[in-house]
Amino acid sequence: MKKVYVVEDNEKNMKLFRAILKIIPDIEIFEETRGDLGFELIKSGNPDLVILDIQLPEMNGIEICSELRKNEKFKDTPIIAVTSFAMKGDKERIMKAGFNQYVSKPIKVQEFREVVKKYLKLEK
């Protein structure tokens, strides 16, 4: 069973992530809506994949990713940024924080599912 941690404060987006992830077999989903609580949830867990919104209350996705990367336990954990940020330089700034991949909103369901499967090393 693969563990996927999702931190997203928008309920519509969270529902979409849930629906996409539930299609993929053998995945357990852990979710949080606030950045600080999401960070604590991830730290206390053993994620196979982390999906972070960038704009979160209390602690943003870039801060969470940067903090996780300082911890040896999370050095190789795949972390995906999901964001509607589309300004010049945003992608570079986000990737520099230590994310493995950047997915822009609105989410393209098929593409997102393939990204998740790639990082969980599941069959196509």
N, C-alpha and C. Protein backbone atom coordinates (compact mmCIF):
# COMPACT_ATOMS: atom_id res chain seq x y z
N MET A 1 0.84 -1.19 0.00
CA MET A 1 0.00 0.00 0.00
C MET A 1 0.88 1.25 0.00
N LYS A 2 0.74 2.07 -1.01
CA LYS A 2 1.53 3.31 -1.12
C LYS A 2 0.82 4.42 -0.35
N LYS A 3 1.61 5.23 0.35
CA LYS A 3 1.05 6.33 1.14
C LYS A 3 1.26 7.66 0.42
N VAL A 4 0.15 8.34 0.12
CA VAL A 4 0.20 9.63 -0.57
C VAL A 4 -0.34 10.69 0.37
N TYR A 5 0.46 11.72 0.61
CA TYR A 5 0.07 12.82 1.48
C TYR A 5 -0.26 14.03 0.62
N VAL A 6 -1.46 14.58 0.83
CA VAL A 6 -1.92 15.72 0.03
C VAL A 6 -2.21 16.89 0.98
N VAL A 7 -1.60 18.04 0.71
CA VAL A 7 -1.90 19.24 1.48
C VAL A 7 -2.46 20.27 0.49
N GLU A 8 -3.74 20.54 0.64
CA GLU A 8 -4.48 21.41 -0.29
C GLU A 8 -5.61 22.08 0.49
N ASP A 9 -5.69 23.41 0.40
CA ASP A 9 -6.71 24.12 1.19
C ASP A 9 -8.02 24.35 0.43
N ASN A 10 -8.04 24.07 -0.86
CA ASN A 10 -9.26 24.27 -1.64
C ASN A 10 -10.03 22.95 -1.72
N GLU A 11 -11.25 22.94 -1.19
CA GLU A 11 -12.03 21.71 -1.10
C GLU A 11 -12.32 21.09 -2.47
N LYS A 12 -12.60 21.94 -3.48
CA LYS A 12 -12.85 21.40 -4.83
C LYS A 12 -11.62 20.68 -5.37
N ASN A 13 -10.46 21.27 -5.17
CA ASN A 13 -9.21 20.63 -5.63
C ASN A 13 -8.95 19.34 -4.86
N MET A 14 -9.21 19.37 -3.54
CA MET A 14 -9.00 18.18 -2.72
C MET A 14 -9.91 17.04 -3.20
N LYS A 15 -11.16 17.37 -3.52
CA LYS A 15 -12.10 16.35 -4.04
C LYS A 15 -11.58 15.76 -5.34
N LEU A 16 -11.05 16.61 -6.20
CA LEU A 16 -10.50 16.15 -7.47
C LEU A 16 -9.30 15.23 -7.24
N PHE A 17 -8.38 15.64 -6.36
CA PHE A 17 -7.22 14.79 -6.04
C PHE A 17 -7.68 13.44 -5.51
N ARG A 18 -8.64 13.47 -4.58
CA ARG A 18 -9.17 12.25 -3.99
C ARG A 18 -9.73 11.32 -5.07
N ALA A 19 -10.53 11.89 -5.97
CA ALA A 19 -11.15 11.10 -7.05
C ALA A 19 -10.09 10.48 -7.96
N ILE A 20 -9.07 11.26 -8.32
CA ILE A 20 -8.01 10.76 -9.20
C ILE A 20 -7.20 9.66 -8.48
N LEU A 21 -6.85 9.90 -7.22
CA LEU A 21 -6.03 8.95 -6.48
C LEU A 21 -6.77 7.65 -6.18
N LYS A 22 -8.08 7.74 -5.96
CA LYS A 22 -8.85 6.53 -5.65
C LYS A 22 -8.95 5.58 -6.85
N ILE A 23 -8.73 6.09 -8.05
CA ILE A 23 -8.74 5.26 -9.26
C ILE A 23 -7.50 4.35 -9.28
N ILE A 24 -6.43 4.82 -8.67
CA ILE A 24 -5.16 4.08 -8.66
C ILE A 24 -5.22 3.07 -7.49
N PRO A 25 -5.04 1.78 -7.78
CA PRO A 25 -5.15 0.78 -6.71
C PRO A 25 -4.01 0.86 -5.69
N ASP A 26 -4.29 0.38 -4.49
CA ASP A 26 -3.29 0.25 -3.41
C ASP A 26 -2.67 1.57 -2.97
N ILE A 27 -3.51 2.60 -2.87
CA ILE A 27 -3.03 3.90 -2.38
C ILE A 27 -3.82 4.26 -1.13
N GLU A 28 -3.10 4.71 -0.12
CA GLU A 28 -3.72 5.23 1.09
C GLU A 28 -3.49 6.73 1.06
N ILE A 29 -4.55 7.51 1.26
CA ILE A 29 -4.47 8.97 1.16
C ILE A 29 -4.53 9.61 2.54
N PHE A 30 -3.59 10.50 2.80
CA PHE A 30 -3.58 11.30 4.02
C PHE A 30 -3.73 12.74 3.58
N GLU A 31 -4.62 13.50 4.22
CA GLU A 31 -4.83 14.86 3.74
C GLU A 31 -4.95 15.87 4.86
N GLU A 32 -4.57 17.08 4.50
CA GLU A 32 -4.64 18.21 5.44
C GLU A 32 -4.88 19.47 4.63
N THR A 33 -5.52 20.46 5.25
CA THR A 33 -5.85 21.70 4.53
C THR A 33 -4.97 22.88 4.92
N ARG A 34 -4.28 22.80 6.05
CA ARG A 34 -3.39 23.89 6.47
C ARG A 34 -1.94 23.47 6.33
N GLY A 35 -1.11 24.40 5.90
CA GLY A 35 0.30 24.09 5.69
C GLY A 35 1.02 23.59 6.92
N ASP A 36 0.85 24.28 8.05
CA ASP A 36 1.56 23.89 9.27
C ASP A 36 1.14 22.49 9.74
N LEU A 37 -0.17 22.21 9.68
CA LEU A 37 -0.67 20.90 10.10
C LEU A 37 -0.26 19.82 9.10
N GLY A 38 -0.25 20.18 7.82
CA GLY A 38 0.21 19.25 6.79
C GLY A 38 1.66 18.87 6.98
N PHE A 39 2.48 19.86 7.31
CA PHE A 39 3.91 19.63 7.56
C PHE A 39 4.08 18.63 8.71
N GLU A 40 3.34 18.83 9.80
CA GLU A 40 3.43 17.93 10.95
C GLU A 40 2.96 16.53 10.58
N LEU A 41 1.88 16.44 9.80
CA LEU A 41 1.34 15.16 9.36
C LEU A 41 2.38 14.39 8.53
N ILE A 42 3.00 15.09 7.60
CA ILE A 42 4.02 14.47 6.73
C ILE A 42 5.22 14.02 7.56
N LYS A 43 5.70 14.91 8.45
CA LYS A 43 6.87 14.58 9.28
C LYS A 43 6.64 13.34 10.13
N SER A 44 5.41 13.18 10.63
CA SER A 44 5.11 12.06 11.51
C SER A 44 4.80 10.78 10.73
N GLY A 45 4.70 10.90 9.41
CA GLY A 45 4.34 9.74 8.60
C GLY A 45 5.52 9.18 7.83
N ASN A 46 5.17 8.32 6.88
CA ASN A 46 6.19 7.69 6.05
C ASN A 46 5.69 7.72 4.60
N PRO A 47 5.66 8.92 3.99
CA PRO A 47 5.05 9.05 2.67
C PRO A 47 5.88 8.44 1.53
N ASP A 48 5.15 7.87 0.57
CA ASP A 48 5.77 7.43 -0.68
C ASP A 48 5.73 8.56 -1.69
N LEU A 49 4.80 9.52 -1.47
CA LEU A 49 4.64 10.67 -2.36
C LEU A 49 3.95 11.78 -1.58
N VAL A 50 4.41 13.02 -1.81
CA VAL A 50 3.79 14.19 -1.19
C VAL A 50 3.31 15.12 -2.30
N ILE A 51 2.06 15.57 -2.20
CA ILE A 51 1.48 16.51 -3.16
C ILE A 51 1.15 17.78 -2.39
N LEU A 52 1.78 18.88 -2.77
CA LEU A 52 1.62 20.13 -2.03
C LEU A 52 1.08 21.24 -2.91
N ASP A 53 0.04 21.90 -2.43
CA ASP A 53 -0.38 23.16 -3.02
C ASP A 53 0.68 24.18 -2.61
N ILE A 54 0.89 25.21 -3.38
CA ILE A 54 1.88 26.21 -3.02
C ILE A 54 1.28 27.26 -2.08
N GLN A 55 0.08 27.73 -2.42
CA GLN A 55 -0.56 28.76 -1.59
C GLN A 55 -1.41 28.09 -0.51
N LEU A 56 -0.84 28.00 0.70
CA LEU A 56 -1.51 27.37 1.83
C LEU A 56 -1.52 28.31 3.02
N PRO A 57 -2.55 28.22 3.87
CA PRO A 57 -2.55 29.04 5.08
C PRO A 57 -1.52 28.53 6.10
N GLU A 58 -0.92 29.44 6.83
CA GLU A 58 0.01 29.18 7.94
C GLU A 58 1.43 28.80 7.52
N MET A 59 1.59 28.04 6.47
CA MET A 59 2.92 27.64 5.98
C MET A 59 2.73 27.23 4.53
N ASN A 60 3.43 27.90 3.60
CA ASN A 60 3.17 27.58 2.18
C ASN A 60 3.94 26.33 1.72
N GLY A 61 3.57 25.86 0.55
CA GLY A 61 4.17 24.63 0.02
C GLY A 61 5.67 24.70 -0.18
N ILE A 62 6.17 25.87 -0.55
CA ILE A 62 7.63 26.04 -0.74
C ILE A 62 8.34 25.87 0.60
N GLU A 63 7.78 26.48 1.66
CA GLU A 63 8.37 26.34 3.00
C GLU A 63 8.35 24.88 3.47
N ILE A 64 7.22 24.21 3.23
CA ILE A 64 7.10 22.81 3.64
C ILE A 64 8.15 21.97 2.92
N CYS A 65 8.24 22.12 1.61
CA CYS A 65 9.20 21.34 0.82
C CYS A 65 10.63 21.62 1.28
N SER A 66 10.97 22.87 1.46
CA SER A 66 12.33 23.24 1.90
C SER A 66 12.67 22.59 3.24
N GLU A 67 11.71 22.63 4.17
CA GLU A 67 11.93 22.04 5.49
C GLU A 67 12.07 20.51 5.40
N LEU A 68 11.22 19.89 4.60
CA LEU A 68 11.31 18.43 4.45
C LEU A 68 12.65 18.02 3.87
N ARG A 69 13.15 18.77 2.90
CA ARG A 69 14.42 18.43 2.24
C ARG A 69 15.62 18.54 3.18
N LYS A 70 15.48 19.29 4.28
CA LYS A 70 16.56 19.40 5.27
C LYS A 70 16.66 18.14 6.12
N ASN A 71 15.60 17.32 6.10
CA ASN A 71 15.54 16.12 6.92
C ASN A 71 15.96 14.91 6.08
N GLU A 72 16.94 14.18 6.55
CA GLU A 72 17.47 13.01 5.82
C GLU A 72 16.35 12.04 5.40
N LYS A 73 15.35 11.88 6.25
CA LYS A 73 14.24 10.95 6.00
C LYS A 73 13.49 11.28 4.70
N PHE A 74 13.46 12.57 4.33
CA PHE A 74 12.67 13.01 3.18
C PHE A 74 13.51 13.43 1.97
N LYS A 75 14.81 13.16 2.03
CA LYS A 75 15.73 13.56 0.95
C LYS A 75 15.28 13.00 -0.42
N ASP A 76 14.80 11.74 -0.42
CA ASP A 76 14.44 11.09 -1.68
C ASP A 76 12.94 10.93 -1.89
N THR A 77 12.14 11.49 -0.99
CA THR A 77 10.69 11.39 -1.13
C THR A 77 10.23 12.28 -2.28
N PRO A 78 9.51 11.73 -3.26
CA PRO A 78 9.02 12.58 -4.35
C PRO A 78 8.00 13.59 -3.82
N ILE A 79 8.19 14.85 -4.19
CA ILE A 79 7.27 15.92 -3.77
C ILE A 79 6.83 16.67 -5.03
N ILE A 80 5.52 16.72 -5.23
CA ILE A 80 4.94 17.39 -6.40
C ILE A 80 4.29 18.69 -5.97
N ALA A 81 4.63 19.78 -6.65
CA ALA A 81 3.99 21.07 -6.42
C ALA A 81 2.78 21.17 -7.34
N VAL A 82 1.65 21.59 -6.76
CA VAL A 82 0.46 21.81 -7.56
C VAL A 82 0.05 23.25 -7.32
N THR A 83 0.01 24.03 -8.39
CA THR A 83 -0.23 25.46 -8.18
C THR A 83 -0.83 26.15 -9.39
N SER A 84 -1.50 27.24 -9.10
CA SER A 84 -2.02 28.08 -10.19
C SER A 84 -1.04 29.22 -10.48
N PHE A 85 0.09 29.26 -9.74
CA PHE A 85 1.13 30.25 -10.02
C PHE A 85 1.60 30.08 -11.46
N ALA A 86 1.54 31.13 -12.23
CA ALA A 86 1.97 30.99 -13.61
C ALA A 86 2.82 32.18 -14.06
N MET A 87 3.30 32.94 -13.11
CA MET A 87 4.10 34.11 -13.44
C MET A 87 5.52 33.65 -13.82
N LYS A 88 6.17 34.48 -14.63
CA LYS A 88 7.54 34.18 -15.05
C LYS A 88 8.41 34.05 -13.80
N GLY A 89 9.18 32.99 -13.75
CA GLY A 89 10.07 32.77 -12.61
C GLY A 89 9.47 31.92 -11.51
N ASP A 90 8.15 31.77 -11.47
CA ASP A 90 7.52 30.99 -10.41
C ASP A 90 7.95 29.52 -10.45
N LYS A 91 7.94 28.94 -11.65
CA LYS A 91 8.30 27.53 -11.77
C LYS A 91 9.73 27.30 -11.29
N GLU A 92 10.64 28.17 -11.67
CA GLU A 92 12.04 28.03 -11.27
C GLU A 92 12.18 28.14 -9.75
N ARG A 93 11.47 29.09 -9.16
CA ARG A 93 11.53 29.30 -7.71
C ARG A 93 10.98 28.07 -6.98
N ILE A 94 9.90 27.52 -7.51
CA ILE A 94 9.28 26.35 -6.90
C ILE A 94 10.20 25.14 -7.01
N MET A 95 10.77 24.91 -8.19
CA MET A 95 11.65 23.76 -8.38
C MET A 95 12.92 23.88 -7.53
N LYS A 96 13.40 25.10 -7.34
CA LYS A 96 14.60 25.34 -6.55
C LYS A 96 14.39 24.94 -5.08
N ALA A 97 13.14 24.95 -4.63
CA ALA A 97 12.83 24.60 -3.24
C ALA A 97 12.99 23.10 -2.98
N GLY A 98 13.11 22.31 -4.07
CA GLY A 98 13.34 20.88 -3.90
C GLY A 98 12.23 19.98 -4.39
N PHE A 99 11.27 20.56 -5.10
CA PHE A 99 10.19 19.73 -5.66
C PHE A 99 10.73 18.87 -6.80
N ASN A 100 10.12 17.70 -6.98
CA ASN A 100 10.49 16.82 -8.10
C ASN A 100 9.76 17.22 -9.37
N GLN A 101 8.54 17.75 -9.20
CA GLN A 101 7.74 18.09 -10.37
C GLN A 101 6.77 19.21 -10.01
N TYR A 102 6.37 19.92 -11.06
CA TYR A 102 5.47 21.05 -10.95
C TYR A 102 4.27 20.75 -11.84
N VAL A 103 3.07 20.78 -11.26
CA VAL A 103 1.85 20.56 -12.04
C VAL A 103 0.98 21.81 -11.88
N SER A 104 0.59 22.41 -13.01
CA SER A 104 -0.19 23.64 -12.90
C SER A 104 -1.69 23.36 -12.87
N LYS A 105 -2.39 24.25 -12.18
CA LYS A 105 -3.86 24.19 -12.11
C LYS A 105 -4.39 25.04 -13.25
N PRO A 106 -5.54 24.72 -13.82
CA PRO A 106 -6.37 23.58 -13.46
C PRO A 106 -5.72 22.26 -13.85
N ILE A 107 -5.95 21.26 -13.02
CA ILE A 107 -5.36 19.94 -13.19
C ILE A 107 -5.93 19.24 -14.42
N LYS A 108 -5.05 18.65 -15.19
CA LYS A 108 -5.48 17.77 -16.29
C LYS A 108 -5.45 16.36 -15.71
N VAL A 109 -6.62 15.74 -15.57
CA VAL A 109 -6.76 14.48 -14.84
C VAL A 109 -5.80 13.40 -15.32
N GLN A 110 -5.78 13.13 -16.61
CA GLN A 110 -4.93 12.06 -17.15
C GLN A 110 -3.45 12.32 -16.87
N GLU A 111 -3.04 13.55 -17.12
CA GLU A 111 -1.64 13.94 -16.90
C GLU A 111 -1.26 13.80 -15.42
N PHE A 112 -2.13 14.26 -14.54
CA PHE A 112 -1.86 14.19 -13.11
C PHE A 112 -1.74 12.74 -12.66
N ARG A 113 -2.65 11.90 -13.13
CA ARG A 113 -2.62 10.47 -12.76
C ARG A 113 -1.31 9.83 -13.22
N GLU A 114 -0.86 10.17 -14.42
CA GLU A 114 0.40 9.61 -14.93
C GLU A 114 1.59 10.06 -14.08
N VAL A 115 1.58 11.33 -13.66
CA VAL A 115 2.66 11.86 -12.82
C VAL A 115 2.69 11.10 -11.49
N VAL A 116 1.53 10.91 -10.88
CA VAL A 116 1.45 10.19 -9.61
C VAL A 116 1.96 8.76 -9.78
N LYS A 117 1.52 8.09 -10.82
CA LYS A 117 1.94 6.70 -11.06
C LYS A 117 3.45 6.62 -11.31
N LYS A 118 4.00 7.62 -12.00
CA LYS A 118 5.43 7.64 -12.28
C LYS A 118 6.23 7.69 -10.96
N TYR A 119 5.83 8.59 -10.06
CA TYR A 119 6.58 8.75 -8.81
C TYR A 119 6.33 7.62 -7.82
N LEU A 120 5.19 6.96 -7.94
CA LEU A 120 4.93 5.79 -7.08
C LEU A 120 5.49 4.52 -7.72
N LYS A 121 6.08 4.67 -8.90
CA LYS A 121 6.66 3.55 -9.64
C LYS A 121 5.64 2.44 -9.87
N LEU A 122 4.46 2.83 -10.33
CA LEU A 122 3.40 1.88 -10.64
C LEU A 122 3.34 1.66 -12.14
N GLU A 123 2.73 0.57 -12.53
CA GLU A 123 2.57 0.26 -13.96
C GLU A 123 1.81 1.39 -14.64
N LYS A 124 2.08 1.61 -15.90
CA LYS A 124 1.36 2.62 -16.66
C LYS A 124 -0.04 2.16 -16.95
